[in-house]
Amino acid sequence: MEYKRGKTKPTACDEAQLCAQAMCLEEMLCCTVPEGALFYGQPRRRQEVTFTPELRTLVEDAAAEMHQLFQRGYTPKSRPTKGCNACSLKDLCLPRLAKAPSVADYLRGELKEP
């Protein structure tokens, strides 16, 4: 069971997060977790989630992409949204910095001869 403060989202991001957590439990505990549930605080409703092969593939593809980005040493730019204010990773992600110029651009501008 995963508790969410808001309401359901148009994308499968919450379902993918729940499935990823179940896949971690499966690997750690050598068991099968076929389904889970999301509880949304806004409508105060529980939503059952079946971990289909398609959902598991979505999670595996996202994990593979994350590993490729990590190996390349590349951090994708984030786009700040109104949801950023309520995010538990706000202090790590620092979405406001996406609008700031890069350090290299700043140094080029400061070191430019007049």
PDB file of N, CA and C in Angstrom:
ATOM      1  N   MET A   1       0.850  -1.172   0.000  1.00  0.00           N
ATOM      2  CA  MET A   1       0.000   0.000   0.000  1.00  0.00           C
ATOM      3  C   MET A   1       0.891   1.229   0.000  1.00  0.00           C
ATOM      4  N   GLU A   2       0.626   2.113  -0.913  1.00  0.00           N
ATOM      5  CA  GLU A   2       1.342   3.387  -0.999  1.00  0.00           C
ATOM      6  C   GLU A   2       0.318   4.489  -0.781  1.00  0.00           C
ATOM      7  N   TYR A   3       0.609   5.396   0.133  1.00  0.00           N
ATOM      8  CA  TYR A   3      -0.300   6.497   0.437  1.00  0.00           C
ATOM      9  C   TYR A   3       0.128   7.745  -0.327  1.00  0.00           C
ATOM     10  N   LYS A   4      -0.810   8.386  -1.002  1.00  0.00           N
ATOM     11  CA  LYS A   4      -0.575   9.621  -1.750  1.00  0.00           C
ATOM     12  C   LYS A   4      -1.480  10.702  -1.185  1.00  0.00           C
ATOM     13  N   ARG A   5      -0.943  11.897  -1.028  1.00  0.00           N
ATOM     14  CA  ARG A   5      -1.730  12.981  -0.440  1.00  0.00           C
ATOM     15  C   ARG A   5      -2.797  13.502  -1.394  1.00  0.00           C
ATOM     16  N   GLY A   6      -2.462  13.602  -2.662  1.00  0.00           N
ATOM     17  CA  GLY A   6      -3.357  14.239  -3.622  1.00  0.00           C
ATOM     18  C   GLY A   6      -4.343  13.290  -4.252  1.00  0.00           C
ATOM     19  N   LYS A   7      -4.581  13.534  -5.543  1.00  0.00           N
ATOM     20  CA  LYS A   7      -5.528  12.701  -6.280  1.00  0.00           C
ATOM     21  C   LYS A   7      -4.800  11.950  -7.396  1.00  0.00           C
ATOM     22  N   THR A   8      -5.521  11.071  -8.085  1.00  0.00           N
ATOM     23  CA  THR A   8      -4.916  10.263  -9.139  1.00  0.00           C
ATOM     24  C   THR A   8      -4.350  11.154 -10.236  1.00  0.00           C
ATOM     25  N   LYS A   9      -3.324  10.650 -10.892  1.00  0.00           N
ATOM     26  CA  LYS A   9      -2.650  11.397 -11.958  1.00  0.00           C
ATOM     27  C   LYS A   9      -2.996  10.787 -13.315  1.00  0.00           C
ATOM     28  N   PRO A  10      -2.897  11.591 -14.382  1.00  0.00           N
ATOM     29  CA  PRO A  10      -3.233  11.059 -15.708  1.00  0.00           C
ATOM     30  C   PRO A  10      -2.196  10.061 -16.241  1.00  0.00           C
ATOM     31  N   THR A  11      -0.989  10.068 -15.675  1.00  0.00           N
ATOM     32  CA  THR A  11       0.045   9.129 -16.120  1.00  0.00           C
ATOM     33  C   THR A  11       0.124   7.955 -15.148  1.00  0.00           C
ATOM     34  N   ALA A  12       0.919   6.965 -15.507  1.00  0.00           N
ATOM     35  CA  ALA A  12       1.062   5.761 -14.672  1.00  0.00           C
ATOM     36  C   ALA A  12       2.234   5.868 -13.711  1.00  0.00           C
ATOM     37  N   CYS A  13       2.640   7.094 -13.366  1.00  0.00           N
ATOM     38  CA  CYS A  13       3.828   7.251 -12.524  1.00  0.00           C
ATOM     39  C   CYS A  13       3.640   6.650 -11.126  1.00  0.00           C
ATOM     40  N   ASP A  14       2.463   6.811 -10.534  1.00  0.00           N
ATOM     41  CA  ASP A  14       2.237   6.234  -9.205  1.00  0.00           C
ATOM     42  C   ASP A  14       2.220   4.711  -9.253  1.00  0.00           C
ATOM     43  N   GLU A  15       1.597   4.171 -10.292  1.00  0.00           N
ATOM     44  CA  GLU A  15       1.550   2.715 -10.458  1.00  0.00           C
ATOM     45  C   GLU A  15       2.954   2.164 -10.680  1.00  0.00           C
ATOM     46  N   ALA A  16       3.772   2.889 -11.462  1.00  0.00           N
ATOM     47  CA  ALA A  16       5.144   2.447 -11.719  1.00  0.00           C
ATOM     48  C   ALA A  16       5.968   2.481 -10.436  1.00  0.00           C
ATOM     49  N   GLN A  17       5.800   3.521  -9.618  1.00  0.00           N
ATOM     50  CA  GLN A  17       6.520   3.601  -8.349  1.00  0.00           C
ATOM     51  C   GLN A  17       6.153   2.427  -7.447  1.00  0.00           C
ATOM     52  N   LEU A  18       4.866   2.135  -7.355  1.00  0.00           N
ATOM     53  CA  LEU A  18       4.404   1.023  -6.526  1.00  0.00           C
ATOM     54  C   LEU A  18       4.952  -0.305  -7.044  1.00  0.00           C
ATOM     55  N   CYS A  19       4.942  -0.476  -8.362  1.00  0.00           N
ATOM     56  CA  CYS A  19       5.458  -1.705  -8.965  1.00  0.00           C
ATOM     57  C   CYS A  19       6.954  -1.845  -8.704  1.00  0.00           C
ATOM     58  N   ALA A  20       7.691  -0.740  -8.793  1.00  0.00           N
ATOM     59  CA  ALA A  20       9.137  -0.783  -8.527  1.00  0.00           C
ATOM     60  C   ALA A  20       9.400  -1.216  -7.083  1.00  0.00           C
ATOM     61  N   GLN A  21       8.609  -0.702  -6.159  1.00  0.00           N
ATOM     62  CA  GLN A  21       8.762  -1.102  -4.761  1.00  0.00           C
ATOM     63  C   GLN A  21       8.479  -2.594  -4.590  1.00  0.00           C
ATOM     64  N   ALA A  22       7.453  -3.081  -5.274  1.00  0.00           N
ATOM     65  CA  ALA A  22       7.121  -4.510  -5.194  1.00  0.00           C
ATOM     66  C   ALA A  22       8.236  -5.363  -5.804  1.00  0.00           C
ATOM     67  N   MET A  23       8.808  -4.900  -6.908  1.00  0.00           N
ATOM     68  CA  MET A  23       9.890  -5.650  -7.551  1.00  0.00           C
ATOM     69  C   MET A  23      11.113  -5.720  -6.634  1.00  0.00           C
ATOM     70  N   CYS A  24      11.382  -4.641  -5.884  1.00  0.00           N
ATOM     71  CA  CYS A  24      12.476  -4.657  -4.914  1.00  0.00           C
ATOM     72  C   CYS A  24      12.204  -5.667  -3.802  1.00  0.00           C
ATOM     73  N   LEU A  25      10.964  -5.679  -3.312  1.00  0.00           N
ATOM     74  CA  LEU A  25      10.602  -6.654  -2.280  1.00  0.00           C
ATOM     75  C   LEU A  25      10.734  -8.083  -2.795  1.00  0.00           C
ATOM     76  N   GLU A  26      10.313  -8.302  -4.047  1.00  0.00           N
ATOM     77  CA  GLU A  26      10.423  -9.641  -4.639  1.00  0.00           C
ATOM     78  C   GLU A  26      11.871 -10.102  -4.669  1.00  0.00           C
ATOM     79  N   GLU A  27      12.762  -9.193  -5.046  1.00  0.00           N
ATOM     80  CA  GLU A  27      14.172  -9.557  -5.133  1.00  0.00           C
ATOM     81  C   GLU A  27      14.779  -9.783  -3.751  1.00  0.00           C
ATOM     82  N   MET A  28      14.419  -8.938  -2.788  1.00  0.00           N
ATOM     83  CA  MET A  28      14.988  -9.059  -1.440  1.00  0.00           C
ATOM     84  C   MET A  28      14.454 -10.268  -0.687  1.00  0.00           C
ATOM     85  N   LEU A  29      13.174 -10.565  -0.867  1.00  0.00           N
ATOM     86  CA  LEU A  29      12.534 -11.613  -0.066  1.00  0.00           C
ATOM     87  C   LEU A  29      12.295 -12.917  -0.821  1.00  0.00           C
ATOM     88  N   CYS A  30      12.720 -12.971  -2.095  1.00  0.00           N
ATOM     89  CA  CYS A  30      12.541 -14.170  -2.923  1.00  0.00           C
ATOM     90  C   CYS A  30      11.078 -14.625  -2.913  1.00  0.00           C
ATOM     91  N   CYS A  31      10.199 -13.701  -3.251  1.00  0.00           N
ATOM     92  CA  CYS A  31       8.778 -14.008  -3.284  1.00  0.00           C
ATOM     93  C   CYS A  31       8.155 -13.326  -4.499  1.00  0.00           C
ATOM     94  N   THR A  32       6.869 -13.514  -4.692  1.00  0.00           N
ATOM     95  CA  THR A  32       6.143 -12.879  -5.785  1.00  0.00           C
ATOM     96  C   THR A  32       5.101 -11.939  -5.192  1.00  0.00           C
ATOM     97  N   VAL A  33       5.071 -10.719  -5.711  1.00  0.00           N
ATOM     98  CA  VAL A  33       4.074  -9.741  -5.288  1.00  0.00           C
ATOM     99  C   VAL A  33       3.256  -9.408  -6.532  1.00  0.00           C
ATOM    100  N   PRO A  34       2.079  -9.992  -6.678  1.00  0.00           N
ATOM    101  CA  PRO A  34       1.306  -9.806  -7.909  1.00  0.00           C
ATOM    102  C   PRO A  34       0.518  -8.504  -7.988  1.00  0.00           C
ATOM    103  N   GLU A  35       0.230  -7.897  -6.823  1.00  0.00           N
ATOM    104  CA  GLU A  35      -0.567  -6.672  -6.851  1.00  0.00           C
ATOM    105  C   GLU A  35      -0.305  -5.839  -5.612  1.00  0.00           C
ATOM    106  N   GLY A  36      -0.749  -4.592  -5.674  1.00  0.00           N
ATOM    107  CA  GLY A  36      -0.623  -3.669  -4.553  1.00  0.00           C
ATOM    108  C   GLY A  36      -1.784  -2.702  -4.591  1.00  0.00           C
ATOM    109  N   ALA A  37      -1.700  -1.647  -3.813  1.00  0.00           N
ATOM    110  CA  ALA A  37      -2.788  -0.671  -3.783  1.00  0.00           C
ATOM    111  C   ALA A  37      -2.229   0.719  -3.537  1.00  0.00           C
ATOM    112  N   LEU A  38      -2.906   1.697  -4.113  1.00  0.00           N
ATOM    113  CA  LEU A  38      -2.614   3.104  -3.896  1.00  0.00           C
ATOM    114  C   LEU A  38      -3.798   3.703  -3.148  1.00  0.00           C
ATOM    115  N   PHE A  39      -3.513   4.478  -2.113  1.00  0.00           N
ATOM    116  CA  PHE A  39      -4.587   5.167  -1.403  1.00  0.00           C
ATOM    117  C   PHE A  39      -4.376   6.653  -1.595  1.00  0.00           C
ATOM    118  N   TYR A  40      -5.346   7.296  -2.227  1.00  0.00           N
ATOM    119  CA  TYR A  40      -5.267   8.727  -2.500  1.00  0.00           C
ATOM    120  C   TYR A  40      -6.056   9.492  -1.448  1.00  0.00           C
ATOM    121  N   GLY A  41      -5.415  10.482  -0.828  1.00  0.00           N
ATOM    122  CA  GLY A  41      -6.035  11.256   0.230  1.00  0.00           C
ATOM    123  C   GLY A  41      -7.127  12.196  -0.239  1.00  0.00           C
ATOM    124  N   GLN A  42      -6.992  12.714  -1.471  1.00  0.00           N
ATOM    125  CA  GLN A  42      -7.984  13.670  -1.955  1.00  0.00           C
ATOM    126  C   GLN A  42      -9.366  13.027  -2.109  1.00  0.00           C
ATOM    127  N   PRO A  43      -9.514  11.976  -2.895  1.00  0.00           N
ATOM    128  CA  PRO A  43     -10.847  11.366  -2.953  1.00  0.00           C
ATOM    129  C   PRO A  43     -11.078  10.346  -1.837  1.00  0.00           C
ATOM    130  N   ARG A  44     -10.031  10.090  -1.024  1.00  0.00           N
ATOM    131  CA  ARG A  44     -10.100   9.080   0.046  1.00  0.00           C
ATOM    132  C   ARG A  44     -10.558   7.727  -0.506  1.00  0.00           C
ATOM    133  N   ARG A  45      -9.883   7.306  -1.565  1.00  0.00           N
ATOM    134  CA  ARG A  45     -10.210   6.044  -2.226  1.00  0.00           C
ATOM    135  C   ARG A  45      -8.960   5.188  -2.376  1.00  0.00           C
ATOM    136  N   ARG A  46      -9.182   3.912  -2.328  1.00  0.00           N
ATOM    137  CA  ARG A  46      -8.113   2.928  -2.538  1.00  0.00           C
ATOM    138  C   ARG A  46      -8.232   2.420  -3.968  1.00  0.00           C
ATOM    139  N   GLN A  47      -7.095   2.333  -4.651  1.00  0.00           N
ATOM    140  CA  GLN A  47      -7.066   1.863  -6.035  1.00  0.00           C
ATOM    141  C   GLN A  47      -6.158   0.642  -6.118  1.00  0.00           C
ATOM    142  N   GLU A  48      -6.723  -0.478  -6.496  1.00  0.00           N
ATOM    143  CA  GLU A  48      -5.939  -1.712  -6.651  1.00  0.00           C
ATOM    144  C   GLU A  48      -5.079  -1.606  -7.913  1.00  0.00           C
ATOM    145  N   VAL A  49      -3.844  -2.113  -7.829  1.00  0.00           N
ATOM    146  CA  VAL A  49      -2.919  -2.088  -8.963  1.00  0.00           C
ATOM    147  C   VAL A  49      -2.386  -3.497  -9.176  1.00  0.00           C
ATOM    148  N   THR A  50      -2.619  -4.040 -10.360  1.00  0.00           N
ATOM    149  CA  THR A  50      -2.068  -5.339 -10.723  1.00  0.00           C
ATOM    150  C   THR A  50      -0.741  -5.099 -11.437  1.00  0.00           C
ATOM    151  N   PHE A  51       0.291  -5.810 -11.014  1.00  0.00           N
ATOM    152  CA  PHE A  51       1.612  -5.631 -11.606  1.00  0.00           C
ATOM    153  C   PHE A  51       1.726  -6.490 -12.867  1.00  0.00           C
ATOM    154  N   THR A  52       1.214  -5.949 -13.948  1.00  0.00           N
ATOM    155  CA  THR A  52       1.188  -6.642 -15.236  1.00  0.00           C
ATOM    156  C   THR A  52       2.594  -6.699 -15.835  1.00  0.00           C
ATOM    157  N   PRO A  53       2.803  -7.597 -16.807  1.00  0.00           N
ATOM    158  CA  PRO A  53       4.103  -7.623 -17.489  1.00  0.00           C
ATOM    159  C   PRO A  53       4.436  -6.274 -18.138  1.00  0.00           C
ATOM    160  N   GLU A  54       3.425  -5.555 -18.637  1.00  0.00           N
ATOM    161  CA  GLU A  54       3.661  -4.257 -19.266  1.00  0.00           C
ATOM    162  C   GLU A  54       4.148  -3.229 -18.237  1.00  0.00           C
ATOM    163  N   LEU A  55       3.548  -3.231 -17.058  1.00  0.00           N
ATOM    164  CA  LEU A  55       3.955  -2.303 -16.008  1.00  0.00           C
ATOM    165  C   LEU A  55       5.366  -2.635 -15.526  1.00  0.00           C
ATOM    166  N   ARG A  56       5.653  -3.918 -15.394  1.00  0.00           N
ATOM    167  CA  ARG A  56       7.007  -4.331 -14.982  1.00  0.00           C
ATOM    168  C   ARG A  56       8.039  -3.936 -16.040  1.00  0.00           C
ATOM    169  N   THR A  57       7.679  -4.045 -17.308  1.00  0.00           N
ATOM    170  CA  THR A  57       8.587  -3.632 -18.385  1.00  0.00           C
ATOM    171  C   THR A  57       8.829  -2.133 -18.340  1.00  0.00           C
ATOM    172  N   LEU A  58       7.792  -1.363 -18.052  1.00  0.00           N
ATOM    173  CA  LEU A  58       7.929   0.087 -17.916  1.00  0.00           C
ATOM    174  C   LEU A  58       8.935   0.426 -16.823  1.00  0.00           C
ATOM    175  N   VAL A  59       8.850  -0.268 -15.695  1.00  0.00           N
ATOM    176  CA  VAL A  59       9.771  -0.040 -14.577  1.00  0.00           C
ATOM    177  C   VAL A  59      11.191  -0.447 -14.969  1.00  0.00           C
ATOM    178  N   GLU A  60      11.338  -1.599 -15.605  1.00  0.00           N
ATOM    179  CA  GLU A  60      12.663  -2.072 -16.014  1.00  0.00           C
ATOM    180  C   GLU A  60      13.299  -1.120 -17.023  1.00  0.00           C
ATOM    181  N   ASP A  61      12.505  -0.603 -17.965  1.00  0.00           N
ATOM    182  CA  ASP A  61      13.024   0.338 -18.963  1.00  0.00           C
ATOM    183  C   ASP A  61      13.478   1.642 -18.305  1.00  0.00           C
ATOM    184  N   ALA A  62      12.699   2.124 -17.336  1.00  0.00           N
ATOM    185  CA  ALA A  62      13.061   3.353 -16.623  1.00  0.00           C
ATOM    186  C   ALA A  62      14.353   3.144 -15.831  1.00  0.00           C
ATOM    187  N   ALA A  63      14.495   1.986 -15.200  1.00  0.00           N
ATOM    188  CA  ALA A  63      15.710   1.689 -14.437  1.00  0.00           C
ATOM    189  C   ALA A  63      16.920   1.590 -15.368  1.00  0.00           C
ATOM    190  N   ALA A  64      16.741   0.975 -16.518  1.00  0.00           N
ATOM    191  CA  ALA A  64      17.840   0.859 -17.484  1.00  0.00           C
ATOM    192  C   ALA A  64      18.264   2.242 -17.976  1.00  0.00           C
ATOM    193  N   GLU A  65      17.292   3.099 -18.244  1.00  0.00           N
ATOM    194  CA  GLU A  65      17.612   4.463 -18.692  1.00  0.00           C
ATOM    195  C   GLU A  65      18.362   5.224 -17.601  1.00  0.00           C
ATOM    196  N   MET A  66      17.930   5.056 -16.348  1.00  0.00           N
ATOM    197  CA  MET A  66      18.602   5.716 -15.233  1.00  0.00           C
ATOM    198  C   MET A  66      20.051   5.253 -15.115  1.00  0.00           C
ATOM    199  N   HIS A  67      20.285   3.949 -15.284  1.00  0.00           N
ATOM    200  CA  HIS A  67      21.649   3.421 -15.210  1.00  0.00           C
ATOM    201  C   HIS A  67      22.509   3.962 -16.346  1.00  0.00           C
ATOM    202  N   GLN A  68      21.941   4.096 -17.543  1.00  0.00           N
ATOM    203  CA  GLN A  68      22.693   4.657 -18.670  1.00  0.00           C
ATOM    204  C   GLN A  68      23.070   6.117 -18.399  1.00  0.00           C
ATOM    205  N   LEU A  69      22.140   6.891 -17.877  1.00  0.00           N
ATOM    206  CA  LEU A  69      22.432   8.283 -17.548  1.00  0.00           C
ATOM    207  C   LEU A  69      23.521   8.376 -16.488  1.00  0.00           C
ATOM    208  N   PHE A  70      23.458   7.505 -15.496  1.00  0.00           N
ATOM    209  CA  PHE A  70      24.458   7.501 -14.425  1.00  0.00           C
ATOM    210  C   PHE A  70      25.838   7.153 -14.979  1.00  0.00           C
ATOM    211  N   GLN A  71      25.905   6.140 -15.851  1.00  0.00           N
ATOM    212  CA  GLN A  71      27.185   5.738 -16.430  1.00  0.00           C
ATOM    213  C   GLN A  71      27.801   6.852 -17.264  1.00  0.00           C
ATOM    214  N   ARG A  72      26.956   7.627 -17.934  1.00  0.00           N
ATOM    215  CA  ARG A  72      27.439   8.747 -18.745  1.00  0.00           C
ATOM    216  C   ARG A  72      27.767   9.966 -17.899  1.00  0.00           C
ATOM    217  N   GLY A  73      27.349   9.953 -16.635  1.00  0.00           N
ATOM    218  CA  GLY A  73      27.582  11.094 -15.768  1.00  0.00           C
ATOM    219  C   GLY A  73      26.706  12.278 -16.137  1.00  0.00           C
ATOM    220  N   TYR A  74      25.530  12.003 -16.680  1.00  0.00           N
ATOM    221  CA  TYR A  74      24.636  13.057 -17.150  1.00  0.00           C
ATOM    222  C   TYR A  74      23.411  13.160 -16.251  1.00  0.00           C
ATOM    223  N   THR A  75      23.119  14.361 -15.822  1.00  0.00           N
ATOM    224  CA  THR A  75      21.908  14.617 -15.042  1.00  0.00           C
ATOM    225  C   THR A  75      20.937  15.385 -15.923  1.00  0.00           C
ATOM    226  N   PRO A  76      19.797  14.795 -16.253  1.00  0.00           N
ATOM    227  CA  PRO A  76      18.845  15.509 -17.101  1.00  0.00           C
ATOM    228  C   PRO A  76      18.282  16.728 -16.383  1.00  0.00           C
ATOM    229  N   LYS A  77      17.966  17.748 -17.153  1.00  0.00           N
ATOM    230  CA  LYS A  77      17.357  18.949 -16.581  1.00  0.00           C
ATOM    231  C   LYS A  77      15.937  18.623 -16.140  1.00  0.00           C
ATOM    232  N   SER A  78      15.547  19.203 -15.035  1.00  0.00           N
ATOM    233  CA  SER A  78      14.182  19.015 -14.556  1.00  0.00           C
ATOM    234  C   SER A  78      13.382  20.269 -14.869  1.00  0.00           C
ATOM    235  N   ARG A  79      12.100  20.072 -15.059  1.00  0.00           N
ATOM    236  CA  ARG A  79      11.210  21.207 -15.280  1.00  0.00           C
ATOM    237  C   ARG A  79      10.400  21.414 -14.009  1.00  0.00           C
ATOM    238  N   PRO A  80      10.587  22.539 -13.372  1.00  0.00           N
ATOM    239  CA  PRO A  80       9.818  22.785 -12.149  1.00  0.00           C
ATOM    240  C   PRO A  80       8.318  22.859 -12.437  1.00  0.00           C
ATOM    241  N   THR A  81       7.537  22.256 -11.559  1.00  0.00           N
ATOM    242  CA  THR A  81       6.080  22.317 -11.661  1.00  0.00           C
ATOM    243  C   THR A  81       5.533  22.732 -10.300  1.00  0.00           C
ATOM    244  N   LYS A  82       4.231  22.968 -10.230  1.00  0.00           N
ATOM    245  CA  LYS A  82       3.645  23.341  -8.943  1.00  0.00           C
ATOM    246  C   LYS A  82       3.755  22.202  -7.932  1.00  0.00           C
ATOM    247  N   GLY A  83       3.914  20.979  -8.411  1.00  0.00           N
ATOM    248  CA  GLY A  83       4.073  19.837  -7.516  1.00  0.00           C
ATOM    249  C   GLY A  83       5.425  19.798  -6.820  1.00  0.00           C
ATOM    250  N   CYS A  84       6.384  20.565  -7.310  1.00  0.00           N
ATOM    251  CA  CYS A  84       7.723  20.565  -6.714  1.00  0.00           C
ATOM    252  C   CYS A  84       7.701  21.024  -5.261  1.00  0.00           C
ATOM    253  N   ASN A  85       6.801  21.930  -4.921  1.00  0.00           N
ATOM    254  CA  ASN A  85       6.756  22.454  -3.555  1.00  0.00           C
ATOM    255  C   ASN A  85       6.408  21.389  -2.533  1.00  0.00           C
ATOM    256  N   ALA A  86       5.655  20.371  -2.927  1.00  0.00           N
ATOM    257  CA  ALA A  86       5.246  19.321  -1.997  1.00  0.00           C
ATOM    258  C   ALA A  86       6.124  18.075  -2.101  1.00  0.00           C
ATOM    259  N   CYS A  87       7.145  18.111  -2.942  1.00  0.00           N
ATOM    260  CA  CYS A  87       7.980  16.932  -3.192  1.00  0.00           C
ATOM    261  C   CYS A  87       8.981  16.708  -2.061  1.00  0.00           C
ATOM    262  N   SER A  88       9.145  15.457  -1.665  1.00  0.00           N
ATOM    263  CA  SER A  88      10.094  15.131  -0.596  1.00  0.00           C
ATOM    264  C   SER A  88      11.541  15.253  -1.070  1.00  0.00           C
ATOM    265  N   LEU A  89      11.774  15.301  -2.379  1.00  0.00           N
ATOM    266  CA  LEU A  89      13.138  15.410  -2.914  1.00  0.00           C
ATOM    267  C   LEU A  89      13.492  16.829  -3.353  1.00  0.00           C
ATOM    268  N   LYS A  90      12.668  17.797  -2.984  1.00  0.00           N
ATOM    269  CA  LYS A  90      12.857  19.179  -3.422  1.00  0.00           C
ATOM    270  C   LYS A  90      14.262  19.692  -3.093  1.00  0.00           C
ATOM    271  N   ASP A  91      14.763  19.408  -1.895  1.00  0.00           N
ATOM    272  CA  ASP A  91      16.073  19.914  -1.492  1.00  0.00           C
ATOM    273  C   ASP A  91      17.224  19.238  -2.233  1.00  0.00           C
ATOM    274  N   LEU A  92      17.004  18.036  -2.741  1.00  0.00           N
ATOM    275  CA  LEU A  92      18.040  17.339  -3.500  1.00  0.00           C
ATOM    276  C   LEU A  92      17.989  17.697  -4.981  1.00  0.00           C
ATOM    277  N   CYS A  93      16.786  17.846  -5.505  1.00  0.00           N
ATOM    278  CA  CYS A  93      16.590  18.105  -6.926  1.00  0.00           C
ATOM    279  C   CYS A  93      16.912  19.551  -7.286  1.00  0.00           C
ATOM    280  N   LEU A  94      16.512  20.471  -6.430  1.00  0.00           N
ATOM    281  CA  LEU A  94      16.714  21.899  -6.642  1.00  0.00           C
ATOM    282  C   LEU A  94      16.200  22.355  -8.007  1.00  0.00           C
ATOM    283  N   PRO A  95      14.902  22.213  -8.259  1.00  0.00           N
ATOM    284  CA  PRO A  95      14.361  22.540  -9.584  1.00  0.00           C
ATOM    285  C   PRO A  95      14.565  23.988  -9.997  1.00  0.00           C
ATOM    286  N   ARG A  96      14.711  24.897  -9.027  1.00  0.00           N
ATOM    287  CA  ARG A  96      14.932  26.307  -9.396  1.00  0.00           C
ATOM    288  C   ARG A  96      16.259  26.507 -10.092  1.00  0.00           C
ATOM    289  N   LEU A  97      17.231  25.633  -9.825  1.00  0.00           N
ATOM    290  CA  LEU A  97      18.547  25.782 -10.451  1.00  0.00           C
ATOM    291  C   LEU A  97      18.511  25.498 -11.941  1.00  0.00           C
ATOM    292  N   ALA A  98      17.462  24.849 -12.423  1.00  0.00           N
ATOM    293  CA  ALA A  98      17.358  24.566 -13.855  1.00  0.00           C
ATOM    294  C   ALA A  98      17.264  25.860 -14.655  1.00  0.00           C
ATOM    295  N   LYS A  99      16.723  26.913 -14.043  1.00  0.00           N
ATOM    296  CA  LYS A  99      16.588  28.198 -14.724  1.00  0.00           C
ATOM    297  C   LYS A  99      17.885  29.000 -14.698  1.00  0.00           C
ATOM    298  N   ALA A 100      18.773  28.698 -13.775  1.00  0.00           N
ATOM    299  CA  ALA A 100      20.016  29.451 -13.627  1.00  0.00           C
ATOM    300  C   ALA A 100      21.001  29.059 -14.727  1.00  0.00           C
ATOM    301  N   PRO A 101      21.838  29.997 -15.147  1.00  0.00           N
ATOM    302  CA  PRO A 101      22.850  29.652 -16.153  1.00  0.00           C
ATOM    303  C   PRO A 101      23.862  28.670 -15.563  1.00  0.00           C
ATOM    304  N   SER A 102      24.516  27.931 -16.425  1.00  0.00           N
ATOM    305  CA  SER A 102      25.502  26.958 -15.950  1.00  0.00           C
ATOM    306  C   SER A 102      26.733  27.696 -15.428  1.00  0.00           C
ATOM    307  N   VAL A 103      27.540  27.009 -14.639  1.00  0.00           N
ATOM    308  CA  VAL A 103      28.766  27.592 -14.109  1.00  0.00           C
ATOM    309  C   VAL A 103      29.702  27.959 -15.249  1.00  0.00           C
ATOM    310  N   ALA A 104      29.779  27.096 -16.268  1.00  0.00           N
ATOM    311  CA  ALA A 104      30.652  27.371 -17.408  1.00  0.00           C
ATOM    312  C   ALA A 104      30.229  28.663 -18.118  1.00  0.00           C
ATOM    313  N   ASP A 105      28.924  28.857 -18.318  1.00  0.00           N
ATOM    314  CA  ASP A 105      28.442  30.082 -18.957  1.00  0.00           C
ATOM    315  C   ASP A 105      28.760  31.303 -18.105  1.00  0.00           C
ATOM    316  N   TYR A 106      28.583  31.184 -16.797  1.00  0.00           N
ATOM    317  CA  TYR A 106      28.878  32.289 -15.892  1.00  0.00           C
ATOM    318  C   TYR A 106      30.354  32.665 -15.980  1.00  0.00           C
ATOM    319  N   LEU A 107      31.228  31.658 -15.916  1.00  0.00           N
ATOM    320  CA  LEU A 107      32.675  31.939 -15.970  1.00  0.00           C
ATOM    321  C   LEU A 107      33.085  32.550 -17.302  1.00  0.00           C
ATOM    322  N   ARG A 108      32.508  32.042 -18.396  1.00  0.00           N
ATOM    323  CA  ARG A 108      32.812  32.630 -19.714  1.00  0.00           C
ATOM    324  C   ARG A 108      32.438  34.097 -19.744  1.00  0.00           C
ATOM    325  N   GLY A 109      31.281  34.414 -19.207  1.00  0.00           N
ATOM    326  CA  GLY A 109      30.829  35.810 -19.180  1.00  0.00           C
ATOM    327  C   GLY A 109      31.695  36.694 -18.305  1.00  0.00           C
ATOM    328  N   GLU A 110      32.124  36.177 -17.177  1.00  0.00           N
ATOM    329  CA  GLU A 110      32.944  36.964 -16.254  1.00  0.00           C
ATOM    330  C   GLU A 110      34.390  37.126 -16.728  1.00  0.00           C
ATOM    331  N   LEU A 111      34.891  36.143 -17.458  1.00  0.00           N
ATOM    332  CA  LEU A 111      36.282  36.173 -17.903  1.00  0.00           C
ATOM    333  C   LEU A 111      36.454  36.820 -19.275  1.00  0.00           C
ATOM    334  N   LYS A 112      35.354  37.210 -19.865  1.00  0.00           N
ATOM    335  CA  LYS A 112      35.405  37.846 -21.180  1.00  0.00           C
ATOM    336  C   LYS A 112      36.083  39.204 -21.059  1.00  0.00           C
ATOM    337  N   GLU A 113      36.990  39.484 -22.012  1.00  0.00           N
ATOM    338  CA  GLU A 113      37.692  40.773 -21.980  1.00  0.00           C
ATOM    339  C   GLU A 113      36.745  41.873 -22.443  1.00  0.00           C
ATOM    340  N   PRO A 114      36.833  43.069 -21.791  1.00  0.00           N
ATOM    341  CA  PRO A 114      35.934  44.166 -22.175  1.00  0.00           C
ATOM    342  C   PRO A 114      36.231  44.772 -23.524  1.00  0.00           C
TER     343      PRO A 114
END
